[in-house]
């Protein structure tokens, strides 16, 4: 059983179903550091865990110049072009 955590209002729970899965994850995973303090620490640990558990993936690291603004268009385009999955790090 998979539990999905949703940060929205829990007084009125929303039921969601998982999208169909192939059972296998392959390709490139982009890890995006949004440049908040300690986001890199989270991504370092996540990268280690993903590499250990999913040896068939390639991991690429990216960073926004600042967390106060959206990622620049060029960075978003690069991530889109080179990645199959994206994980953003939010930390403090």
C-alpha atoms as a PDB file:
ATOM      1  CA  UNK A   1       0.000   0.000   0.000  1.00  0.00           C
ATOM      2  CA  UNK A   2       1.287   3.471  -0.871  1.00  0.00           C
ATOM      3  CA  UNK A   3       0.486   6.536   1.200  1.00  0.00           C
ATOM      4  CA  UNK A   4       0.357   9.875  -0.573  1.00  0.00           C
ATOM      5  CA  UNK A   5       0.953  12.926   1.617  1.00  0.00           C
ATOM      6  CA  UNK A   6      -0.889  16.047   0.513  1.00  0.00           C
ATOM      7  CA  UNK A   7      -0.018  19.394   2.156  1.00  0.00           C
ATOM      8  CA  UNK A   8      -3.441  20.898   1.433  1.00  0.00           C
ATOM      9  CA  UNK A   9      -6.355  21.253   3.845  1.00  0.00           C
ATOM     10  CA  UNK A  10      -7.067  17.845   5.403  1.00  0.00           C
ATOM     11  CA  UNK A  11     -10.501  18.705   6.777  1.00  0.00           C
ATOM     12  CA  UNK A  12     -11.926  17.668   3.418  1.00  0.00           C
ATOM     13  CA  UNK A  13      -9.686  14.798   2.243  1.00  0.00           C
ATOM     14  CA  UNK A  14      -9.292  14.315  -1.475  1.00  0.00           C
ATOM     15  CA  UNK A  15      -9.115  10.792  -2.829  1.00  0.00           C
ATOM     16  CA  UNK A  16      -6.456  10.294  -5.474  1.00  0.00           C
ATOM     17  CA  UNK A  17      -5.298   7.262  -7.378  1.00  0.00           C
ATOM     18  CA  UNK A  18      -1.766   6.541  -8.484  1.00  0.00           C
ATOM     19  CA  UNK A  19      -1.018   6.682 -12.176  1.00  0.00           C
ATOM     20  CA  UNK A  20      -0.261   3.300 -13.756  1.00  0.00           C
ATOM     21  CA  UNK A  21       3.335   2.223 -13.175  1.00  0.00           C
ATOM     22  CA  UNK A  22       5.589  -0.018 -15.233  1.00  0.00           C
ATOM     23  CA  UNK A  23       7.301  -1.308 -12.103  1.00  0.00           C
ATOM     24  CA  UNK A  24      10.651   0.029 -13.279  1.00  0.00           C
ATOM     25  CA  UNK A  25      12.289   3.438 -13.230  1.00  0.00           C
ATOM     26  CA  UNK A  26      14.948   4.146 -15.836  1.00  0.00           C
ATOM     27  CA  UNK A  27      16.325   7.277 -17.423  1.00  0.00           C
ATOM     28  CA  UNK A  28      17.603  10.531 -16.008  1.00  0.00           C
ATOM     29  CA  UNK A  29      16.444  12.059 -12.740  1.00  0.00           C
ATOM     30  CA  UNK A  30      17.053  15.793 -12.309  1.00  0.00           C
ATOM     31  CA  UNK A  31      17.610  16.979  -8.748  1.00  0.00           C
ATOM     32  CA  UNK A  32      16.898  20.705  -8.528  1.00  0.00           C
ATOM     33  CA  UNK A  33      18.244  22.672  -5.591  1.00  0.00           C
ATOM     34  CA  UNK A  34      16.124  25.813  -5.300  1.00  0.00           C
ATOM     35  CA  UNK A  35      18.952  27.450  -3.299  1.00  0.00           C
ATOM     36  CA  UNK A  36      17.323  27.481   0.119  1.00  0.00           C
ATOM     37  CA  UNK A  37      19.629  26.683   3.044  1.00  0.00           C
ATOM     38  CA  UNK A  38      20.394  22.953   3.449  1.00  0.00           C
ATOM     39  CA  UNK A  39      18.604  21.976   0.234  1.00  0.00           C
ATOM     40  CA  UNK A  40      21.900  20.565  -0.976  1.00  0.00           C
ATOM     41  CA  UNK A  41      22.098  18.370   2.143  1.00  0.00           C
ATOM     42  CA  UNK A  42      18.687  16.904   1.351  1.00  0.00           C
ATOM     43  CA  UNK A  43      19.630  16.325  -2.291  1.00  0.00           C
ATOM     44  CA  UNK A  44      22.964  14.718  -1.346  1.00  0.00           C
ATOM     45  CA  UNK A  45      21.135  12.163   0.791  1.00  0.00           C
ATOM     46  CA  UNK A  46      18.421  11.654  -1.807  1.00  0.00           C
ATOM     47  CA  UNK A  47      21.011  11.130  -4.533  1.00  0.00           C
ATOM     48  CA  UNK A  48      22.766   8.487  -2.430  1.00  0.00           C
ATOM     49  CA  UNK A  49      19.501   6.647  -1.741  1.00  0.00           C
ATOM     50  CA  UNK A  50      18.319   6.780  -5.352  1.00  0.00           C
ATOM     51  CA  UNK A  51      21.687   5.576  -6.658  1.00  0.00           C
ATOM     52  CA  UNK A  52      21.627   2.671  -4.221  1.00  0.00           C
ATOM     53  CA  UNK A  53      18.032   1.609  -4.868  1.00  0.00           C
ATOM     54  CA  UNK A  54      17.749   2.407  -8.582  1.00  0.00           C
ATOM     55  CA  UNK A  55      21.054   1.541 -10.263  1.00  0.00           C
ATOM     56  CA  UNK A  56      19.460   1.916 -13.730  1.00  0.00           C
ATOM     57  CA  UNK A  57      19.026   5.689 -13.444  1.00  0.00           C
ATOM     58  CA  UNK A  58      21.356   8.588 -14.150  1.00  0.00           C
ATOM     59  CA  UNK A  59      21.231  11.580 -11.807  1.00  0.00           C
ATOM     60  CA  UNK A  60      21.876  15.175 -12.879  1.00  0.00           C
ATOM     61  CA  UNK A  61      22.108  18.049 -10.408  1.00  0.00           C
ATOM     62  CA  UNK A  62      20.826  21.563 -11.073  1.00  0.00           C
ATOM     63  CA  UNK A  63      20.459  24.701  -8.957  1.00  0.00           C
ATOM     64  CA  UNK A  64      18.362  27.831  -9.232  1.00  0.00           C
ATOM     65  CA  UNK A  65      20.258  31.106  -8.774  1.00  0.00           C
ATOM     66  CA  UNK A  66      17.842  32.124  -5.988  1.00  0.00           C
ATOM     67  CA  UNK A  67      14.790  30.662  -4.284  1.00  0.00           C
ATOM     68  CA  UNK A  68      12.976  33.996  -4.474  1.00  0.00           C
ATOM     69  CA  UNK A  69      12.308  33.802  -8.219  1.00  0.00           C
ATOM     70  CA  UNK A  70      11.213  31.107 -10.670  1.00  0.00           C
ATOM     71  CA  UNK A  71      13.939  29.123 -12.404  1.00  0.00           C
ATOM     72  CA  UNK A  72      15.294  30.924 -15.466  1.00  0.00           C
ATOM     73  CA  UNK A  73      13.822  29.813 -18.792  1.00  0.00           C
ATOM     74  CA  UNK A  74      17.170  28.418 -19.971  1.00  0.00           C
ATOM     75  CA  UNK A  75      17.506  26.242 -16.853  1.00  0.00           C
ATOM     76  CA  UNK A  76      13.946  24.939 -17.182  1.00  0.00           C
ATOM     77  CA  UNK A  77      14.527  24.159 -20.864  1.00  0.00           C
ATOM     78  CA  UNK A  78      17.754  22.295 -20.079  1.00  0.00           C
ATOM     79  CA  UNK A  79      16.102  20.194 -17.368  1.00  0.00           C
ATOM     80  CA  UNK A  80      13.146  19.443 -19.664  1.00  0.00           C
ATOM     81  CA  UNK A  81      15.419  18.433 -22.530  1.00  0.00           C
ATOM     82  CA  UNK A  82      17.809  16.250 -20.540  1.00  0.00           C
ATOM     83  CA  UNK A  83      15.589  14.661 -17.865  1.00  0.00           C
ATOM     84  CA  UNK A  84      12.800  12.137 -17.504  1.00  0.00           C
ATOM     85  CA  UNK A  85      11.988  12.991 -13.875  1.00  0.00           C
ATOM     86  CA  UNK A  86      12.440  16.044 -11.644  1.00  0.00           C
ATOM     87  CA  UNK A  87      12.733  16.318  -7.866  1.00  0.00           C
ATOM     88  CA  UNK A  88      12.991  19.766  -6.226  1.00  0.00           C
ATOM     89  CA  UNK A  89      14.601  20.261  -2.815  1.00  0.00           C
ATOM     90  CA  UNK A  90      12.879  22.568  -0.377  1.00  0.00           C
ATOM     91  CA  UNK A  91      14.715  22.875   2.913  1.00  0.00           C
ATOM     92  CA  UNK A  92      15.663  25.298   5.683  1.00  0.00           C
END
